[in-house]
Amino acid sequence: MLTGGNYSKKILVVDDDESILLMIETVLKKEGYTNIQKASNAKSAVDMTKQAIPDLIILDVMLPDLDGYAVCKEIRTYSMVPIIFLSARSDESDKLISYALGGDEYMTKPFSPKELVAKISAMLTRQEYYEKHTEKSRKYEFGEYLLDTSRKLLLKNGRNIEITAKEYKLLEYFLENKNITLSKEKLLNNVWEMDYDGYENTVMVHIRHLREKIEEDPSNPVYLKTVKGRGYIFVV
């Protein structure tokens, strides 16, 4: 059984059929879910995933601008949020494509609302367990920011801040070693997995870009400070 917290988890429903959106919303509310958001096209789905950070997505394959597969592929570049595909297609090849792109479940229309609710319940329960019991689900807080390693997201006051994969890895490494001075050589060895020679500028460029995203005044950093002659330190 879901906890009260799970019933308040954000569920994003994406479908261009208004009647399907309304039906799913009605069923979920009847079951006790209180935080349901809706989108009717691919662009809105991607934007809402980045901004609202849903805990689960119900995604129709056939959308007016891009198909659901393209949406899933885009989302998987920055989030591992559970995704349930909905489709009128029942071919095995379509199901295999959805799983290959990172989908978690595939339901064929018309579908059983009770089965959909059961799948949502199971996914949120697994997600809750993973977050509580898996070491990889660490969350680092500094100021208004939160680095959520289970979803690989950087949030500021709950809103997603877009960073590159290398910036994310660099920030995570700093937070794992907070308040410790790290040399450029150490950063290259552990974040880039390469030798120091000739790559000093690589570290400096990424440090500058990261500061632009987490510092109010990048020229006078509060968190990511330079230790002259020794490297950098992340102060928390």
C-alpha atoms as a PDB file:
ATOM      1  CA  MET A   1       0.000   0.000   0.000  1.00  0.00           C
ATOM      2  CA  LEU A   2       1.213   3.481  -0.797  1.00  0.00           C
ATOM      3  CA  THR A   3       2.115   5.930   1.908  1.00  0.00           C
ATOM      4  CA  GLY A   4       0.387   9.281   2.192  1.00  0.00           C
ATOM      5  CA  GLY A   5       3.539  10.871   0.737  1.00  0.00           C
ATOM      6  CA  ASN A   6       3.287   8.771  -2.396  1.00  0.00           C
ATOM      7  CA  TYR A   7      -0.292   9.835  -2.986  1.00  0.00           C
ATOM      8  CA  SER A   8       1.006  13.408  -3.243  1.00  0.00           C
ATOM      9  CA  LYS A   9       3.737  12.502  -5.748  1.00  0.00           C
ATOM     10  CA  LYS A  10       3.584  14.404  -9.048  1.00  0.00           C
ATOM     11  CA  ILE A  11       2.106  12.413 -11.941  1.00  0.00           C
ATOM     12  CA  LEU A  12       2.319  13.908 -15.430  1.00  0.00           C
ATOM     13  CA  VAL A  13      -0.212  12.582 -17.967  1.00  0.00           C
ATOM     14  CA  VAL A  14       0.624  13.258 -21.638  1.00  0.00           C
ATOM     15  CA  ASP A  15      -2.024  12.613 -24.319  1.00  0.00           C
ATOM     16  CA  ASP A  16      -3.526  14.677 -27.134  1.00  0.00           C
ATOM     17  CA  ASP A  17      -6.970  13.144 -26.524  1.00  0.00           C
ATOM     18  CA  GLU A  18      -8.747  15.347 -23.983  1.00  0.00           C
ATOM     19  CA  SER A  19     -11.142  12.539 -23.055  1.00  0.00           C
ATOM     20  CA  ILE A  20      -8.214  10.244 -22.164  1.00  0.00           C
ATOM     21  CA  LEU A  21      -6.609  12.977 -20.064  1.00  0.00           C
ATOM     22  CA  LEU A  22      -9.857  13.573 -18.207  1.00  0.00           C
ATOM     23  CA  MET A  23     -10.507   9.862 -17.683  1.00  0.00           C
ATOM     24  CA  ILE A  24      -7.042   9.199 -16.243  1.00  0.00           C
ATOM     25  CA  GLU A  25      -7.204  12.304 -14.048  1.00  0.00           C
ATOM     26  CA  THR A  26     -10.619  11.258 -12.712  1.00  0.00           C
ATOM     27  CA  VAL A  27      -9.479   7.690 -11.987  1.00  0.00           C
ATOM     28  CA  LEU A  28      -6.313   8.816 -10.221  1.00  0.00           C
ATOM     29  CA  LYS A  29      -8.117  11.388  -8.091  1.00  0.00           C
ATOM     30  CA  LYS A  30     -10.679   8.759  -7.120  1.00  0.00           C
ATOM     31  CA  GLU A  31      -7.809   6.548  -5.965  1.00  0.00           C
ATOM     32  CA  GLY A  32      -6.438   9.360  -3.802  1.00  0.00           C
ATOM     33  CA  TYR A  33      -3.714  10.917  -5.951  1.00  0.00           C
ATOM     34  CA  THR A  34      -3.672  14.669  -5.422  1.00  0.00           C
ATOM     35  CA  ASN A  35      -0.923  16.070  -7.664  1.00  0.00           C
ATOM     36  CA  ILE A  36      -1.811  15.393 -11.308  1.00  0.00           C
ATOM     37  CA  GLN A  37      -0.520  17.475 -14.196  1.00  0.00           C
ATOM     38  CA  LYS A  38      -1.491  17.242 -17.869  1.00  0.00           C
ATOM     39  CA  ALA A  39       0.113  17.950 -21.235  1.00  0.00           C
ATOM     40  CA  SER A  40      -1.291  17.480 -24.736  1.00  0.00           C
ATOM     41  CA  ASN A  41       1.881  17.623 -26.857  1.00  0.00           C
ATOM     42  CA  ALA A  42       5.550  16.680 -26.810  1.00  0.00           C
ATOM     43  CA  LYS A  43       6.930  20.187 -26.243  1.00  0.00           C
ATOM     44  CA  SER A  44       4.747  20.757 -23.187  1.00  0.00           C
ATOM     45  CA  ALA A  45       5.675  17.320 -21.856  1.00  0.00           C
ATOM     46  CA  VAL A  46       9.427  18.006 -22.083  1.00  0.00           C
ATOM     47  CA  ASP A  47       9.089  21.523 -20.637  1.00  0.00           C
ATOM     48  CA  MET A  48       6.953  20.319 -17.726  1.00  0.00           C
ATOM     49  CA  THR A  49       9.340  17.452 -16.991  1.00  0.00           C
ATOM     50  CA  LYS A  50      12.223  19.911 -16.698  1.00  0.00           C
ATOM     51  CA  GLN A  51      10.319  22.510 -14.679  1.00  0.00           C
ATOM     52  CA  ALA A  52       7.861  20.593 -12.499  1.00  0.00           C
ATOM     53  CA  ILE A  53      10.023  17.451 -12.004  1.00  0.00           C
ATOM     54  CA  PRO A  54       7.273  14.776 -11.983  1.00  0.00           C
ATOM     55  CA  ASP A  55       7.724  11.521 -10.072  1.00  0.00           C
ATOM     56  CA  LEU A  56       6.025   9.450 -12.798  1.00  0.00           C
ATOM     57  CA  ILE A  57       4.932  10.056 -16.402  1.00  0.00           C
ATOM     58  CA  ILE A  58       2.068   8.438 -18.322  1.00  0.00           C
ATOM     59  CA  LEU A  59       3.046   9.033 -21.962  1.00  0.00           C
ATOM     60  CA  ASP A  60       1.003   8.480 -25.120  1.00  0.00           C
ATOM     61  CA  VAL A  61       3.022   7.291 -28.127  1.00  0.00           C
ATOM     62  CA  MET A  62       1.030   9.231 -30.753  1.00  0.00           C
ATOM     63  CA  LEU A  63       1.369  12.990 -30.176  1.00  0.00           C
ATOM     64  CA  PRO A  64       0.742  15.832 -32.656  1.00  0.00           C
ATOM     65  CA  ASP A  65       4.280  17.276 -32.773  1.00  0.00           C
ATOM     66  CA  LEU A  66       6.718  14.475 -31.839  1.00  0.00           C
ATOM     67  CA  ASP A  67       5.953  10.883 -30.925  1.00  0.00           C
ATOM     68  CA  GLY A  68       6.221   9.615 -27.373  1.00  0.00           C
ATOM     69  CA  TYR A  69       9.387   7.695 -28.216  1.00  0.00           C
ATOM     70  CA  ALA A  70      11.183  10.960 -29.059  1.00  0.00           C
ATOM     71  CA  VAL A  71       9.882  12.503 -25.827  1.00  0.00           C
ATOM     72  CA  CYS A  72      11.160   9.551 -23.795  1.00  0.00           C
ATOM     73  CA  LYS A  73      14.563   9.700 -25.493  1.00  0.00           C
ATOM     74  CA  GLU A  74      14.862  13.402 -24.657  1.00  0.00           C
ATOM     75  CA  ILE A  75      13.769  12.930 -21.043  1.00  0.00           C
ATOM     76  CA  ARG A  76      16.279  10.107 -20.553  1.00  0.00           C
ATOM     77  CA  THR A  77      19.131  12.550 -21.221  1.00  0.00           C
ATOM     78  CA  TYR A  78      18.474  14.224 -17.867  1.00  0.00           C
ATOM     79  CA  SER A  79      16.008  12.147 -15.834  1.00  0.00           C
ATOM     80  CA  MET A  80      15.241   8.525 -14.910  1.00  0.00           C
ATOM     81  CA  VAL A  81      11.638   9.285 -13.909  1.00  0.00           C
ATOM     82  CA  PRO A  82       9.422   6.168 -14.386  1.00  0.00           C
ATOM     83  CA  ILE A  83       7.523   6.258 -17.713  1.00  0.00           C
ATOM     84  CA  ILE A  84       4.407   4.272 -18.635  1.00  0.00           C
ATOM     85  CA  PHE A  85       3.711   4.268 -22.376  1.00  0.00           C
ATOM     86  CA  LEU A  86       0.142   4.258 -23.689  1.00  0.00           C
ATOM     87  CA  SER A  87      -0.450   3.217 -27.303  1.00  0.00           C
ATOM     88  CA  ALA A  88      -3.057   1.897 -29.722  1.00  0.00           C
ATOM     89  CA  ARG A  89      -0.265  -0.216 -31.226  1.00  0.00           C
ATOM     90  CA  SER A  90      -0.010  -3.759 -29.924  1.00  0.00           C
ATOM     91  CA  ASP A  91       2.909  -5.046 -32.034  1.00  0.00           C
ATOM     92  CA  GLU A  92       5.753  -6.586 -30.085  1.00  0.00           C
ATOM     93  CA  SER A  93       8.232  -4.396 -31.984  1.00  0.00           C
ATOM     94  CA  ASP A  94       6.589  -1.250 -30.612  1.00  0.00           C
ATOM     95  CA  LYS A  95       6.849  -2.561 -27.072  1.00  0.00           C
ATOM     96  CA  LEU A  96      10.506  -3.468 -27.555  1.00  0.00           C
ATOM     97  CA  ILE A  97      11.254   0.028 -28.881  1.00  0.00           C
ATOM     98  CA  SER A  98       9.644   1.589 -25.812  1.00  0.00           C
ATOM     99  CA  TYR A  99      11.755  -0.517 -23.458  1.00  0.00           C
ATOM    100  CA  ALA A 100      14.928   0.101 -25.469  1.00  0.00           C
ATOM    101  CA  LEU A 101      14.425   3.861 -25.145  1.00  0.00           C
ATOM    102  CA  GLY A 102      14.003   3.663 -21.385  1.00  0.00           C
ATOM    103  CA  GLY A 103      10.270   3.143 -20.903  1.00  0.00           C
ATOM    104  CA  ASP A 104       9.259   1.135 -17.832  1.00  0.00           C
ATOM    105  CA  GLU A 105       5.808  -0.143 -18.852  1.00  0.00           C
ATOM    106  CA  TYR A 106       3.751  -0.374 -22.048  1.00  0.00           C
ATOM    107  CA  MET A 107      -0.052  -0.481 -22.036  1.00  0.00           C
ATOM    108  CA  THR A 108      -2.227  -0.935 -25.106  1.00  0.00           C
ATOM    109  CA  LYS A 109      -5.373   1.135 -25.629  1.00  0.00           C
ATOM    110  CA  PRO A 110      -8.083   0.494 -24.626  1.00  0.00           C
ATOM    111  CA  PHE A 111      -6.581  -0.300 -21.228  1.00  0.00           C
ATOM    112  CA  SER A 112      -7.942  -1.169 -17.819  1.00  0.00           C
ATOM    113  CA  PRO A 113      -7.918   1.875 -15.486  1.00  0.00           C
ATOM    114  CA  LYS A 114      -7.480  -0.506 -12.531  1.00  0.00           C
ATOM    115  CA  GLU A 115      -4.408  -2.046 -14.152  1.00  0.00           C
ATOM    116  CA  LEU A 116      -2.971   1.418 -14.782  1.00  0.00           C
ATOM    117  CA  VAL A 117      -3.468   2.364 -11.135  1.00  0.00           C
ATOM    118  CA  ALA A 118      -1.844  -0.910 -10.043  1.00  0.00           C
ATOM    119  CA  LYS A 119       1.222  -0.238 -12.210  1.00  0.00           C
ATOM    120  CA  ILE A 120       1.503   3.326 -10.882  1.00  0.00           C
ATOM    121  CA  SER A 121       1.279   2.066  -7.298  1.00  0.00           C
ATOM    122  CA  ALA A 122       3.969  -0.567  -7.912  1.00  0.00           C
ATOM    123  CA  MET A 123       6.329   1.907  -9.584  1.00  0.00           C
ATOM    124  CA  LEU A 124       6.028   4.559  -6.887  1.00  0.00           C
ATOM    125  CA  THR A 125       6.511   1.955  -4.177  1.00  0.00           C
ATOM    126  CA  ARG A 126       9.692   0.684  -5.870  1.00  0.00           C
ATOM    127  CA  GLN A 127      10.902   4.232  -6.344  1.00  0.00           C
ATOM    128  CA  GLU A 128      10.307   5.028  -2.671  1.00  0.00           C
ATOM    129  CA  TYR A 129      12.208   1.910  -1.600  1.00  0.00           C
ATOM    130  CA  TYR A 130      15.087   2.726  -3.939  1.00  0.00           C
ATOM    131  CA  GLU A 131      15.374   6.269  -2.607  1.00  0.00           C
ATOM    132  CA  LYS A 132      15.391   5.078   1.003  1.00  0.00           C
ATOM    133  CA  HIS A 133      17.678   2.056   0.684  1.00  0.00           C
ATOM    134  CA  THR A 134      20.056   2.672  -2.213  1.00  0.00           C
ATOM    135  CA  GLU A 135      23.327   4.420  -1.541  1.00  0.00           C
ATOM    136  CA  LYS A 136      23.188   6.068  -4.978  1.00  0.00           C
ATOM    137  CA  SER A 137      20.128   8.043  -3.944  1.00  0.00           C
ATOM    138  CA  ARG A 138      22.187  10.551  -1.953  1.00  0.00           C
ATOM    139  CA  LYS A 139      20.949  14.120  -1.876  1.00  0.00           C
ATOM    140  CA  TYR A 140      23.315  17.020  -1.316  1.00  0.00           C
ATOM    141  CA  GLU A 141      22.008  20.406  -0.207  1.00  0.00           C
ATOM    142  CA  PHE A 142      23.826  23.739  -0.323  1.00  0.00           C
ATOM    143  CA  GLY A 143      22.009  27.035   0.003  1.00  0.00           C
ATOM    144  CA  GLU A 144      18.955  27.036  -2.278  1.00  0.00           C
ATOM    145  CA  TYR A 145      20.317  24.082  -4.253  1.00  0.00           C
ATOM    146  CA  LEU A 146      19.795  20.325  -4.108  1.00  0.00           C
ATOM    147  CA  LEU A 147      21.758  17.725  -6.068  1.00  0.00           C
ATOM    148  CA  ASP A 148      19.560  14.620  -6.367  1.00  0.00           C
ATOM    149  CA  THR A 149      21.830  11.746  -7.429  1.00  0.00           C
ATOM    150  CA  SER A 150      18.983   9.233  -7.838  1.00  0.00           C
ATOM    151  CA  ARG A 151      17.489  11.348 -10.649  1.00  0.00           C
ATOM    152  CA  LYS A 152      20.756  13.078 -11.601  1.00  0.00           C
ATOM    153  CA  LEU A 153      19.199  16.507 -11.240  1.00  0.00           C
ATOM    154  CA  LEU A 154      20.363  19.853  -9.892  1.00  0.00           C
ATOM    155  CA  LEU A 155      17.443  21.766  -8.381  1.00  0.00           C
ATOM    156  CA  LYS A 156      17.176  25.325  -7.143  1.00  0.00           C
ATOM    157  CA  ASN A 157      14.179  25.838  -4.859  1.00  0.00           C
ATOM    158  CA  GLY A 158      12.640  22.758  -6.462  1.00  0.00           C
ATOM    159  CA  ARG A 159      13.179  23.892 -10.064  1.00  0.00           C
ATOM    160  CA  ASN A 160      15.517  22.103 -12.445  1.00  0.00           C
ATOM    161  CA  ILE A 161      18.814  23.778 -13.383  1.00  0.00           C
ATOM    162  CA  GLU A 162      20.155  22.438 -16.677  1.00  0.00           C
ATOM    163  CA  ILE A 163      23.778  21.302 -16.481  1.00  0.00           C
ATOM    164  CA  THR A 164      25.846  19.111 -18.765  1.00  0.00           C
ATOM    165  CA  ALA A 165      26.774  15.540 -17.839  1.00  0.00           C
ATOM    166  CA  LYS A 166      30.374  16.584 -17.108  1.00  0.00           C
ATOM    167  CA  GLU A 167      29.267  19.560 -14.987  1.00  0.00           C
ATOM    168  CA  TYR A 168      27.014  17.205 -13.033  1.00  0.00           C
ATOM    169  CA  LYS A 169      29.848  14.738 -12.448  1.00  0.00           C
ATOM    170  CA  LEU A 170      32.186  17.552 -11.404  1.00  0.00           C
ATOM    171  CA  LEU A 171      29.655  18.981  -8.946  1.00  0.00           C
ATOM    172  CA  GLU A 172      28.908  15.543  -7.521  1.00  0.00           C
ATOM    173  CA  TYR A 173      32.627  14.908  -6.977  1.00  0.00           C
ATOM    174  CA  PHE A 174      33.039  18.258  -5.216  1.00  0.00           C
ATOM    175  CA  LEU A 175      30.088  17.519  -2.925  1.00  0.00           C
ATOM    176  CA  GLU A 176      31.413  14.041  -2.146  1.00  0.00           C
ATOM    177  CA  ASN A 177      34.617  15.800  -1.041  1.00  0.00           C
ATOM    178  CA  LYS A 178      33.157  19.013   0.381  1.00  0.00           C
ATOM    179  CA  ASN A 179      35.438  21.293   2.401  1.00  0.00           C
ATOM    180  CA  ILE A 180      38.507  19.493   1.017  1.00  0.00           C
ATOM    181  CA  THR A 181      40.976  21.196  -1.321  1.00  0.00           C
ATOM    182  CA  LEU A 182      41.181  19.302  -4.612  1.00  0.00           C
ATOM    183  CA  SER A 183      43.984  19.832  -7.099  1.00  0.00           C
ATOM    184  CA  LYS A 184      43.386  20.153 -10.843  1.00  0.00           C
ATOM    185  CA  GLU A 185      45.284  16.903 -11.270  1.00  0.00           C
ATOM    186  CA  LYS A 186      42.962  15.099  -8.854  1.00  0.00           C
ATOM    187  CA  LEU A 187      39.882  16.494 -10.605  1.00  0.00           C
ATOM    188  CA  LEU A 188      41.148  15.343 -14.001  1.00  0.00           C
ATOM    189  CA  ASN A 189      41.977  11.874 -12.716  1.00  0.00           C
ATOM    190  CA  ASN A 190      38.621  11.349 -11.004  1.00  0.00           C
ATOM    191  CA  VAL A 191      36.125  13.307 -13.136  1.00  0.00           C
ATOM    192  CA  TRP A 192      37.681  13.083 -16.598  1.00  0.00           C
ATOM    193  CA  GLU A 193      39.753   9.937 -15.912  1.00  0.00           C
ATOM    194  CA  MET A 194      42.727  11.346 -17.789  1.00  0.00           C
ATOM    195  CA  ASP A 195      46.240  12.538 -16.987  1.00  0.00           C
ATOM    196  CA  TYR A 196      46.880  16.142 -16.003  1.00  0.00           C
ATOM    197  CA  ASP A 197      49.419  17.115 -18.659  1.00  0.00           C
ATOM    198  CA  GLY A 198      48.030  19.633 -21.124  1.00  0.00           C
ATOM    199  CA  TYR A 199      44.464  19.652 -19.776  1.00  0.00           C
ATOM    200  CA  GLU A 200      44.617  22.393 -17.152  1.00  0.00           C
ATOM    201  CA  ASN A 201      42.363  24.642 -19.251  1.00  0.00           C
ATOM    202  CA  THR A 202      39.657  21.929 -19.384  1.00  0.00           C
ATOM    203  CA  VAL A 203      39.223  22.092 -15.615  1.00  0.00           C
ATOM    204  CA  MET A 204      39.221  25.884 -15.545  1.00  0.00           C
ATOM    205  CA  VAL A 205      36.544  26.145 -18.251  1.00  0.00           C
ATOM    206  CA  HIS A 206      34.227  23.671 -16.515  1.00  0.00           C
ATOM    207  CA  ILE A 207      34.749  25.359 -13.150  1.00  0.00           C
ATOM    208  CA  ARG A 208      33.781  28.692 -14.698  1.00  0.00           C
ATOM    209  CA  HIS A 209      30.637  27.254 -16.327  1.00  0.00           C
ATOM    210  CA  LEU A 210      29.613  25.518 -13.110  1.00  0.00           C
ATOM    211  CA  ARG A 211      30.048  28.720 -11.110  1.00  0.00           C
ATOM    212  CA  GLU A 212      27.789  30.539 -13.572  1.00  0.00           C
ATOM    213  CA  LYS A 213      25.004  28.105 -12.658  1.00  0.00           C
ATOM    214  CA  ILE A 214      25.390  27.867  -8.867  1.00  0.00           C
ATOM    215  CA  GLU A 215      26.900  31.171  -7.779  1.00  0.00           C
ATOM    216  CA  GLU A 216      25.051  34.476  -7.389  1.00  0.00           C
ATOM    217  CA  ASP A 217      28.280  36.254  -8.346  1.00  0.00           C
ATOM    218  CA  PRO A 218      30.579  33.833 -10.232  1.00  0.00           C
ATOM    219  CA  SER A 219      33.512  36.244  -9.854  1.00  0.00           C
ATOM    220  CA  ASN A 220      33.162  36.091  -6.064  1.00  0.00           C
ATOM    221  CA  PRO A 221      32.057  32.499  -5.404  1.00  0.00           C
ATOM    222  CA  VAL A 222      30.518  31.450  -2.109  1.00  0.00           C
ATOM    223  CA  TYR A 223      30.632  27.690  -2.671  1.00  0.00           C
ATOM    224  CA  LEU A 224      33.203  26.804  -5.317  1.00  0.00           C
ATOM    225  CA  LYS A 225      36.322  28.680  -4.261  1.00  0.00           C
ATOM    226  CA  THR A 226      39.847  28.782  -5.692  1.00  0.00           C
ATOM    227  CA  VAL A 227      42.692  27.890  -3.357  1.00  0.00           C
ATOM    228  CA  LYS A 228      45.620  29.736  -4.896  1.00  0.00           C
ATOM    229  CA  GLY A 229      48.382  27.429  -5.986  1.00  0.00           C
ATOM    230  CA  ARG A 230      46.580  24.312  -4.743  1.00  0.00           C
ATOM    231  CA  GLY A 231      43.285  23.890  -6.626  1.00  0.00           C
ATOM    232  CA  TYR A 232      39.645  24.280  -5.611  1.00  0.00           C
ATOM    233  CA  ILE A 233      37.440  23.690  -2.583  1.00  0.00           C
ATOM    234  CA  PHE A 234      33.643  23.382  -2.307  1.00  0.00           C
ATOM    235  CA  VAL A 235      32.599  25.085   0.921  1.00  0.00           C
ATOM    236  CA  VAL A 236      29.342  23.950   2.558  1.00  0.00           C
END
